Amino acid sequence: GDFETVFSFERLYESYRASVRGVGWKASTQR
């Protein structure tokens, strides 16, 4: 429930890795 804890670098980076999974072929994802 804390803004800084939710959007820590570690959690954002894990979210990035999960978001690109399965869509790495897209040009926007590759950029």
PDB file of all heavy atoms in Angstrom:
ATOM      1  N   GLY A   1       0.785  -1.230   0.000  1.00  0.00           N
ATOM      2  CA  GLY A   1       0.000   0.000   0.000  1.00  0.00           C
ATOM      3  C   GLY A   1       0.812   1.274   0.000  1.00  0.00           C
ATOM      4  O   GLY A   1       0.241   2.370   0.000  1.00  0.00           O
ATOM      5  N   ASP A   2       2.145   1.170  -0.032  1.00  0.00           N
ATOM      6  CA  ASP A   2       3.011   2.347  -0.008  1.00  0.00           C
ATOM      7  C   ASP A   2       3.539   2.624  -1.414  1.00  0.00           C
ATOM      8  O   ASP A   2       4.054   1.719  -2.084  1.00  0.00           O
ATOM      9  CB  ASP A   2       4.178   2.128   0.953  1.00  0.00           C
ATOM     10  CG  ASP A   2       5.139   3.300   0.956  1.00  0.00           C
ATOM     11  OD1 ASP A   2       4.765   4.375   1.462  1.00  0.00           O
ATOM     12  OD2 ASP A   2       6.275   3.133   0.440  1.00  0.00           O
ATOM     13  N   PHE A   3       3.437   3.858  -1.872  1.00  0.00           N
ATOM     14  CA  PHE A   3       3.783   4.209  -3.254  1.00  0.00           C
ATOM     15  C   PHE A   3       5.240   3.882  -3.578  1.00  0.00           C
ATOM     16  O   PHE A   3       5.534   3.230  -4.594  1.00  0.00           O
ATOM     17  CB  PHE A   3       3.514   5.707  -3.476  1.00  0.00           C
ATOM     18  CG  PHE A   3       3.532   6.124  -4.920  1.00  0.00           C
ATOM     19  CD1 PHE A   3       2.377   6.090  -5.683  1.00  0.00           C
ATOM     20  CD2 PHE A   3       4.704   6.561  -5.528  1.00  0.00           C
ATOM     21  CE1 PHE A   3       2.389   6.477  -7.019  1.00  0.00           C
ATOM     22  CE2 PHE A   3       4.729   6.950  -6.855  1.00  0.00           C
ATOM     23  CZ  PHE A   3       3.561   6.904  -7.602  1.00  0.00           C
ATOM     24  N   GLU A   4       6.165   4.333  -2.741  1.00  0.00           N
ATOM     25  CA  GLU A   4       7.586   4.097  -3.015  1.00  0.00           C
ATOM     26  C   GLU A   4       7.936   2.613  -2.983  1.00  0.00           C
ATOM     27  O   GLU A   4       8.770   2.145  -3.768  1.00  0.00           O
ATOM     28  CB  GLU A   4       8.463   4.852  -2.004  1.00  0.00           C
ATOM     29  CG  GLU A   4       8.626   6.337  -2.285  1.00  0.00           C
ATOM     30  CD  GLU A   4       7.410   7.159  -1.893  1.00  0.00           C
ATOM     31  OE1 GLU A   4       6.505   6.587  -1.222  1.00  0.00           O
ATOM     32  OE2 GLU A   4       7.337   8.341  -2.261  1.00  0.00           O
ATOM     33  N   THR A   5       7.304   1.865  -2.097  1.00  0.00           N
ATOM     34  CA  THR A   5       7.578   0.423  -2.020  1.00  0.00           C
ATOM     35  C   THR A   5       7.047  -0.297  -3.256  1.00  0.00           C
ATOM     36  O   THR A   5       7.726  -1.167  -3.823  1.00  0.00           O
ATOM     37  CB  THR A   5       6.938  -0.175  -0.758  1.00  0.00           C
ATOM     38  OG1 THR A   5       7.411   0.530   0.398  1.00  0.00           O
ATOM     39  CG2 THR A   5       7.273  -1.650  -0.616  1.00  0.00           C
ATOM     40  N   VAL A   6       5.843   0.064  -3.680  1.00  0.00           N
ATOM     41  CA  VAL A   6       5.248  -0.569  -4.861  1.00  0.00           C
ATOM     42  C   VAL A   6       6.103  -0.307  -6.093  1.00  0.00           C
ATOM     43  O   VAL A   6       6.367  -1.216  -6.892  1.00  0.00           O
ATOM     44  CB  VAL A   6       3.807  -0.053  -5.079  1.00  0.00           C
ATOM     45  CG1 VAL A   6       3.271  -0.491  -6.449  1.00  0.00           C
ATOM     46  CG2 VAL A   6       2.893  -0.559  -3.972  1.00  0.00           C
ATOM     47  N   PHE A   7       6.560   0.944  -6.259  1.00  0.00           N
ATOM     48  CA  PHE A   7       7.315   1.307  -7.459  1.00  0.00           C
ATOM     49  C   PHE A   7       8.825   1.385  -7.182  1.00  0.00           C
ATOM     50  O   PHE A   7       9.518   2.281  -7.673  1.00  0.00           O
ATOM     51  CB  PHE A   7       6.793   2.632  -8.030  1.00  0.00           C
ATOM     52  CG  PHE A   7       5.433   2.511  -8.649  1.00  0.00           C
ATOM     53  CD1 PHE A   7       4.345   3.175  -8.100  1.00  0.00           C
ATOM     54  CD2 PHE A   7       5.223   1.707  -9.754  1.00  0.00           C
ATOM     55  CE1 PHE A   7       3.086   3.061  -8.649  1.00  0.00           C
ATOM     56  CE2 PHE A   7       3.965   1.582 -10.322  1.00  0.00           C
ATOM     57  CZ  PHE A   7       2.893   2.255  -9.769  1.00  0.00           C
ATOM     58  N   SER A   8       9.323   0.442  -6.410  1.00  0.00           N
ATOM     59  CA  SER A   8      10.776   0.333  -6.246  1.00  0.00           C
ATOM     60  C   SER A   8      11.390  -0.121  -7.572  1.00  0.00           C
ATOM     61  O   SER A   8      10.703  -0.699  -8.434  1.00  0.00           O
ATOM     62  CB  SER A   8      11.109  -0.677  -5.152  1.00  0.00           C
ATOM     63  OG  SER A   8      10.727  -1.982  -5.551  1.00  0.00           O
ATOM     64  N   PHE A   9      12.681   0.126  -7.753  1.00  0.00           N
ATOM     65  CA  PHE A   9      13.330  -0.253  -9.001  1.00  0.00           C
ATOM     66  C   PHE A   9      13.232  -1.764  -9.224  1.00  0.00           C
ATOM     67  O   PHE A   9      12.988  -2.225 -10.349  1.00  0.00           O
ATOM     68  CB  PHE A   9      14.802   0.176  -8.997  1.00  0.00           C
ATOM     69  CG  PHE A   9      15.525  -0.186 -10.269  1.00  0.00           C
ATOM     70  CD1 PHE A   9      15.458   0.640 -11.371  1.00  0.00           C
ATOM     71  CD2 PHE A   9      16.250  -1.375 -10.369  1.00  0.00           C
ATOM     72  CE1 PHE A   9      16.114   0.301 -12.559  1.00  0.00           C
ATOM     73  CE2 PHE A   9      16.890  -1.722 -11.542  1.00  0.00           C
ATOM     74  CZ  PHE A   9      16.830  -0.883 -12.638  1.00  0.00           C
ATOM     75  N   GLU A  10      13.419  -2.540  -8.156  1.00  0.00           N
ATOM     76  CA  GLU A  10      13.396  -4.006  -8.278  1.00  0.00           C
ATOM     77  C   GLU A  10      12.036  -4.487  -8.794  1.00  0.00           C
ATOM     78  O   GLU A  10      11.962  -5.337  -9.689  1.00  0.00           O
ATOM     79  CB  GLU A  10      13.705  -4.656  -6.934  1.00  0.00           C
ATOM     80  CG  GLU A  10      15.125  -4.466  -6.438  1.00  0.00           C
ATOM     81  CD  GLU A  10      15.372  -3.077  -5.865  1.00  0.00           C
ATOM     82  OE1 GLU A  10      14.367  -2.349  -5.610  1.00  0.00           O
ATOM     83  OE2 GLU A  10      16.545  -2.712  -5.682  1.00  0.00           O
ATOM     84  N   ARG A  11      10.957  -3.916  -8.243  1.00  0.00           N
ATOM     85  CA  ARG A  11       9.623  -4.357  -8.661  1.00  0.00           C
ATOM     86  C   ARG A  11       9.296  -3.881 -10.076  1.00  0.00           C
ATOM     87  O   ARG A  11       8.672  -4.617 -10.856  1.00  0.00           O
ATOM     88  CB  ARG A  11       8.582  -3.866  -7.660  1.00  0.00           C
ATOM     89  CG  ARG A  11       8.632  -4.626  -6.340  1.00  0.00           C
ATOM     90  CD  ARG A  11       7.575  -4.162  -5.366  1.00  0.00           C
ATOM     91  NE  ARG A  11       7.476  -5.071  -4.228  1.00  0.00           N
ATOM     92  CZ  ARG A  11       6.618  -4.935  -3.235  1.00  0.00           C
ATOM     93  NH1 ARG A  11       5.769  -3.903  -3.219  1.00  0.00           N
ATOM     94  NH2 ARG A  11       6.574  -5.819  -2.249  1.00  0.00           N
ATOM     95  N   LEU A  12       9.703  -2.667 -10.413  1.00  0.00           N
ATOM     96  CA  LEU A  12       9.488  -2.194 -11.778  1.00  0.00           C
ATOM     97  C   LEU A  12      10.256  -3.042 -12.786  1.00  0.00           C
ATOM     98  O   LEU A  12       9.749  -3.365 -13.874  1.00  0.00           O
ATOM     99  CB  LEU A  12       9.913  -0.727 -11.896  1.00  0.00           C
ATOM    100  CG  LEU A  12       8.867   0.327 -11.503  1.00  0.00           C
ATOM    101  CD1 LEU A  12       9.499   1.704 -11.396  1.00  0.00           C
ATOM    102  CD2 LEU A  12       7.714   0.346 -12.500  1.00  0.00           C
ATOM    103  N   TYR A  13      11.486  -3.438 -12.434  1.00  0.00           N
ATOM    104  CA  TYR A  13      12.279  -4.244 -13.361  1.00  0.00           C
ATOM    105  C   TYR A  13      11.671  -5.644 -13.516  1.00  0.00           C
ATOM    106  O   TYR A  13      11.638  -6.179 -14.635  1.00  0.00           O
ATOM    107  CB  TYR A  13      13.728  -4.353 -12.888  1.00  0.00           C
ATOM    108  CG  TYR A  13      14.644  -4.910 -13.953  1.00  0.00           C
ATOM    109  CD1 TYR A  13      15.091  -4.088 -14.991  1.00  0.00           C
ATOM    110  CD2 TYR A  13      15.034  -6.242 -13.943  1.00  0.00           C
ATOM    111  CE1 TYR A  13      15.915  -4.587 -15.988  1.00  0.00           C
ATOM    112  CE2 TYR A  13      15.855  -6.752 -14.935  1.00  0.00           C
ATOM    113  CZ  TYR A  13      16.296  -5.928 -15.956  1.00  0.00           C
ATOM    114  OH  TYR A  13      17.096  -6.424 -16.952  1.00  0.00           O
ATOM    115  N   GLU A  14      11.189  -6.228 -12.431  1.00  0.00           N
ATOM    116  CA  GLU A  14      10.513  -7.525 -12.530  1.00  0.00           C
ATOM    117  C   GLU A  14       9.250  -7.411 -13.390  1.00  0.00           C
ATOM    118  O   GLU A  14       8.916  -8.316 -14.158  1.00  0.00           O
ATOM    119  CB  GLU A  14      10.152  -8.040 -11.135  1.00  0.00           C
ATOM    120  CG  GLU A  14      11.326  -8.629 -10.377  1.00  0.00           C
ATOM    121  CD  GLU A  14      11.970  -9.799 -11.116  1.00  0.00           C
ATOM    122  OE1 GLU A  14      11.229 -10.680 -11.599  1.00  0.00           O
ATOM    123  OE2 GLU A  14      13.212  -9.812 -11.233  1.00  0.00           O
ATOM    124  N   SER A  15       8.550  -6.288 -13.255  1.00  0.00           N
ATOM    125  CA  SER A  15       7.343  -6.059 -14.056  1.00  0.00           C
ATOM    126  C   SER A  15       7.697  -5.896 -15.531  1.00  0.00           C
ATOM    127  O   SER A  15       6.957  -6.367 -16.410  1.00  0.00           O
ATOM    128  CB  SER A  15       6.609  -4.814 -13.556  1.00  0.00           C
ATOM    129  OG  SER A  15       6.218  -4.973 -12.209  1.00  0.00           O
ATOM    130  N   TYR A  16       8.819  -5.245 -15.811  1.00  0.00           N
ATOM    131  CA  TYR A  16       9.291  -5.136 -17.192  1.00  0.00           C
ATOM    132  C   TYR A  16       9.558  -6.523 -17.778  1.00  0.00           C
ATOM    133  O   TYR A  16       9.130  -6.832 -18.900  1.00  0.00           O
ATOM    134  CB  TYR A  16      10.556  -4.265 -17.245  1.00  0.00           C
ATOM    135  CG  TYR A  16      11.549  -4.690 -18.304  1.00  0.00           C
ATOM    136  CD1 TYR A  16      11.276  -4.510 -19.650  1.00  0.00           C
ATOM    137  CD2 TYR A  16      12.757  -5.315 -17.938  1.00  0.00           C
ATOM    138  CE1 TYR A  16      12.179  -4.930 -20.618  1.00  0.00           C
ATOM    139  CE2 TYR A  16      13.656  -5.730 -18.895  1.00  0.00           C
ATOM    140  CZ  TYR A  16      13.357  -5.548 -20.224  1.00  0.00           C
ATOM    141  OH  TYR A  16      14.246  -5.979 -21.183  1.00  0.00           O
ATOM    142  N   ARG A  17      10.246  -7.363 -17.028  1.00  0.00           N
ATOM    143  CA  ARG A  17      10.572  -8.711 -17.531  1.00  0.00           C
ATOM    144  C   ARG A  17       9.304  -9.522 -17.801  1.00  0.00           C
ATOM    145  O   ARG A  17       9.214 -10.260 -18.786  1.00  0.00           O
ATOM    146  CB  ARG A  17      11.459  -9.442 -16.527  1.00  0.00           C
ATOM    147  CG  ARG A  17      12.844  -8.816 -16.379  1.00  0.00           C
ATOM    148  CD  ARG A  17      13.695  -9.576 -15.384  1.00  0.00           C
ATOM    149  NE  ARG A  17      13.942 -10.956 -15.818  1.00  0.00           N
ATOM    150  CZ  ARG A  17      14.538 -11.873 -15.076  1.00  0.00           C
ATOM    151  NH1 ARG A  17      14.962 -11.556 -13.853  1.00  0.00           N
ATOM    152  NH2 ARG A  17      14.737 -13.084 -15.532  1.00  0.00           N
ATOM    153  N   ALA A  18       8.313  -9.355 -16.914  1.00  0.00           N
ATOM    154  CA  ALA A  18       7.057 -10.079 -17.119  1.00  0.00           C
ATOM    155  C   ALA A  18       6.273  -9.510 -18.307  1.00  0.00           C
ATOM    156  O   ALA A  18       5.610 -10.258 -19.036  1.00  0.00           O
ATOM    157  CB  ALA A  18       6.206  -9.985 -15.851  1.00  0.00           C
ATOM    158  N   SER A  19       6.372  -8.198 -18.525  1.00  0.00           N
ATOM    159  CA  SER A  19       5.589  -7.546 -19.589  1.00  0.00           C
ATOM    160  C   SER A  19       6.092  -7.889 -20.986  1.00  0.00           C
ATOM    161  O   SER A  19       5.304  -7.915 -21.938  1.00  0.00           O
ATOM    162  CB  SER A  19       5.612  -6.027 -19.393  1.00  0.00           C
ATOM    163  OG  SER A  19       5.001  -5.664 -18.182  1.00  0.00           O
ATOM    164  N   VAL A  20       7.393  -8.140 -21.137  1.00  0.00           N
ATOM    165  CA  VAL A  20       7.947  -8.415 -22.475  1.00  0.00           C
ATOM    166  C   VAL A  20       7.913  -9.906 -22.800  1.00  0.00           C
ATOM    167  O   VAL A  20       8.201 -10.292 -23.943  1.00  0.00           O
ATOM    168  CB  VAL A  20       9.392  -7.884 -22.595  1.00  0.00           C
ATOM    169  CG1 VAL A  20       9.426  -6.384 -22.363  1.00  0.00           C
ATOM    170  CG2 VAL A  20      10.343  -8.602 -21.636  1.00  0.00           C
ATOM    171  N   ARG A  21       7.554 -10.725 -21.808  1.00  0.00           N
ATOM    172  CA  ARG A  21       7.541 -12.171 -22.031  1.00  0.00           C
ATOM    173  C   ARG A  21       6.464 -12.535 -23.056  1.00  0.00           C
ATOM    174  O   ARG A  21       5.288 -12.200 -22.908  1.00  0.00           O
ATOM    175  CB  ARG A  21       7.271 -12.884 -20.709  1.00  0.00           C
ATOM    176  CG  ARG A  21       7.594 -14.374 -20.718  1.00  0.00           C
ATOM    177  CD  ARG A  21       7.460 -14.944 -19.322  1.00  0.00           C
ATOM    178  NE  ARG A  21       8.404 -14.324 -18.394  1.00  0.00           N
ATOM    179  CZ  ARG A  21       8.066 -13.860 -17.199  1.00  0.00           C
ATOM    180  NH1 ARG A  21       6.818 -13.932 -16.781  1.00  0.00           N
ATOM    181  NH2 ARG A  21       8.984 -13.323 -16.408  1.00  0.00           N
ATOM    182  N   GLY A  22       6.870 -13.195 -24.128  1.00  0.00           N
ATOM    183  CA  GLY A  22       5.927 -13.635 -25.149  1.00  0.00           C
ATOM    184  C   GLY A  22       5.644 -12.617 -26.230  1.00  0.00           C
ATOM    185  O   GLY A  22       4.957 -12.924 -27.209  1.00  0.00           O
ATOM    186  N   VAL A  23       6.135 -11.377 -26.079  1.00  0.00           N
ATOM    187  CA  VAL A  23       5.892 -10.349 -27.106  1.00  0.00           C
ATOM    188  C   VAL A  23       7.217  -9.730 -27.557  1.00  0.00           C
ATOM    189  O   VAL A  23       7.245  -8.605 -28.065  1.00  0.00           O
ATOM    190  CB  VAL A  23       4.929  -9.251 -26.597  1.00  0.00           C
ATOM    191  CG1 VAL A  23       3.533  -9.804 -26.423  1.00  0.00           C
ATOM    192  CG2 VAL A  23       5.431  -8.634 -25.290  1.00  0.00           C
ATOM    193  N   GLY A  24       8.329 -10.460 -27.365  1.00  0.00           N
ATOM    194  CA  GLY A  24       9.642  -9.937 -27.736  1.00  0.00           C
ATOM    195  C   GLY A  24       9.810  -9.706 -29.221  1.00  0.00           C
ATOM    196  O   GLY A  24      10.712  -8.978 -29.640  1.00  0.00           O
ATOM    197  N   TRP A  25       8.929 -10.298 -30.049  1.00  0.00           N
ATOM    198  CA  TRP A  25       9.033 -10.138 -31.494  1.00  0.00           C
ATOM    199  C   TRP A  25       8.542  -8.771 -31.974  1.00  0.00           C
ATOM    200  O   TRP A  25       8.832  -8.348 -33.097  1.00  0.00           O
ATOM    201  CB  TRP A  25       8.214 -11.229 -32.191  1.00  0.00           C
ATOM    202  CG  TRP A  25       6.782 -11.293 -31.712  1.00  0.00           C
ATOM    203  CD1 TRP A  25       6.298 -12.016 -30.673  1.00  0.00           C
ATOM    204  CD2 TRP A  25       5.672 -10.569 -32.254  1.00  0.00           C
ATOM    205  NE1 TRP A  25       4.953 -11.810 -30.504  1.00  0.00           N
ATOM    206  CE2 TRP A  25       4.535 -10.927 -31.477  1.00  0.00           C
ATOM    207  CE3 TRP A  25       5.504  -9.677 -33.300  1.00  0.00           C
ATOM    208  CZ2 TRP A  25       3.263 -10.409 -31.725  1.00  0.00           C
ATOM    209  CZ3 TRP A  25       4.244  -9.169 -33.555  1.00  0.00           C
ATOM    210  CH2 TRP A  25       3.137  -9.529 -32.768  1.00  0.00           C
ATOM    211  N   LYS A  26       7.803  -8.042 -31.114  1.00  0.00           N
ATOM    212  CA  LYS A  26       7.260  -6.748 -31.529  1.00  0.00           C
ATOM    213  C   LYS A  26       8.366  -5.692 -31.575  1.00  0.00           C
ATOM    214  O   LYS A  26       9.250  -5.650 -30.716  1.00  0.00           O
ATOM    215  CB  LYS A  26       6.175  -6.289 -30.555  1.00  0.00           C
ATOM    216  CG  LYS A  26       4.906  -7.132 -30.584  1.00  0.00           C
ATOM    217  CD  LYS A  26       3.862  -6.545 -29.652  1.00  0.00           C
ATOM    218  CE  LYS A  26       2.565  -7.329 -29.706  1.00  0.00           C
ATOM    219  NZ  LYS A  26       1.534  -6.751 -28.801  1.00  0.00           N
ATOM    220  N   ALA A  27       8.279  -4.796 -32.556  1.00  0.00           N
ATOM    221  CA  ALA A  27       9.299  -3.764 -32.723  1.00  0.00           C
ATOM    222  C   ALA A  27       9.330  -2.822 -31.520  1.00  0.00           C
ATOM    223  O   ALA A  27      10.410  -2.434 -31.042  1.00  0.00           O
ATOM    224  CB  ALA A  27       9.038  -2.968 -34.011  1.00  0.00           C
ATOM    225  N   SER A  28       8.160  -2.447 -30.999  1.00  0.00           N
ATOM    226  CA  SER A  28       8.110  -1.528 -29.855  1.00  0.00           C
ATOM    227  C   SER A  28       8.748  -2.170 -28.624  1.00  0.00           C
ATOM    228  O   SER A  28       9.448  -1.500 -27.854  1.00  0.00           O
ATOM    229  CB  SER A  28       6.657  -1.135 -29.555  1.00  0.00           C
ATOM    230  OG  SER A  28       5.873  -2.287 -29.256  1.00  0.00           O
ATOM    231  N   THR A  29       8.530  -3.478 -28.459  1.00  0.00           N
ATOM    232  CA  THR A  29       9.135  -4.189 -27.327  1.00  0.00           C
ATOM    233  C   THR A  29      10.646  -4.255 -27.471  1.00  0.00           C
ATOM    234  O   THR A  29      11.395  -4.062 -26.497  1.00  0.00           O
ATOM    235  CB  THR A  29       8.555  -5.608 -27.221  1.00  0.00           C
ATOM    236  OG1 THR A  29       7.134  -5.531 -27.105  1.00  0.00           O
ATOM    237  CG2 THR A  29       9.116  -6.341 -26.013  1.00  0.00           C
ATOM    238  N   GLN A  30      11.117  -4.513 -28.687  1.00  0.00           N
ATOM    239  CA  GLN A  30      12.565  -4.596 -28.919  1.00  0.00           C
ATOM    240  C   GLN A  30      13.250  -3.260 -28.660  1.00  0.00           C
ATOM    241  O   GLN A  30      14.352  -3.211 -28.093  1.00  0.00           O
ATOM    242  CB  GLN A  30      12.825  -5.071 -30.350  1.00  0.00           C
ATOM    243  CG  GLN A  30      12.432  -6.526 -30.588  1.00  0.00           C
ATOM    244  CD  GLN A  30      12.555  -6.938 -32.026  1.00  0.00           C
ATOM    245  OE1 GLN A  30      13.089  -6.194 -32.854  1.00  0.00           O
ATOM    246  NE2 GLN A  30      12.072  -8.128 -32.365  1.00  0.00           N
ATOM    247  N   ARG A  31      12.575  -2.158 -29.055  1.00  0.00           N
ATOM    248  CA  ARG A  31      13.155  -0.836 -28.790  1.00  0.00           C
ATOM    249  C   ARG A  31      13.242  -0.570 -27.289  1.00  0.00           C
ATOM    250  O   ARG A  31      14.224  -0.017 -26.793  1.00  0.00           O
ATOM    251  CB  ARG A  31      12.312   0.252 -29.473  1.00  0.00           C
ATOM    252  CG  ARG A  31      12.482   0.308 -30.986  1.00  0.00           C
ATOM    253  CD  ARG A  31      11.900   1.590 -31.563  1.00  0.00           C
ATOM    254  NE  ARG A  31      10.456   1.668 -31.351  1.00  0.00           N
ATOM    255  CZ  ARG A  31       9.555   1.196 -32.198  1.00  0.00           C
ATOM    256  NH1 ARG A  31       9.939   0.597 -33.322  1.00  0.00           N
ATOM    257  NH2 ARG A  31       8.261   1.314 -31.931  1.00  0.00           N
TER     258      ARG A  31
END
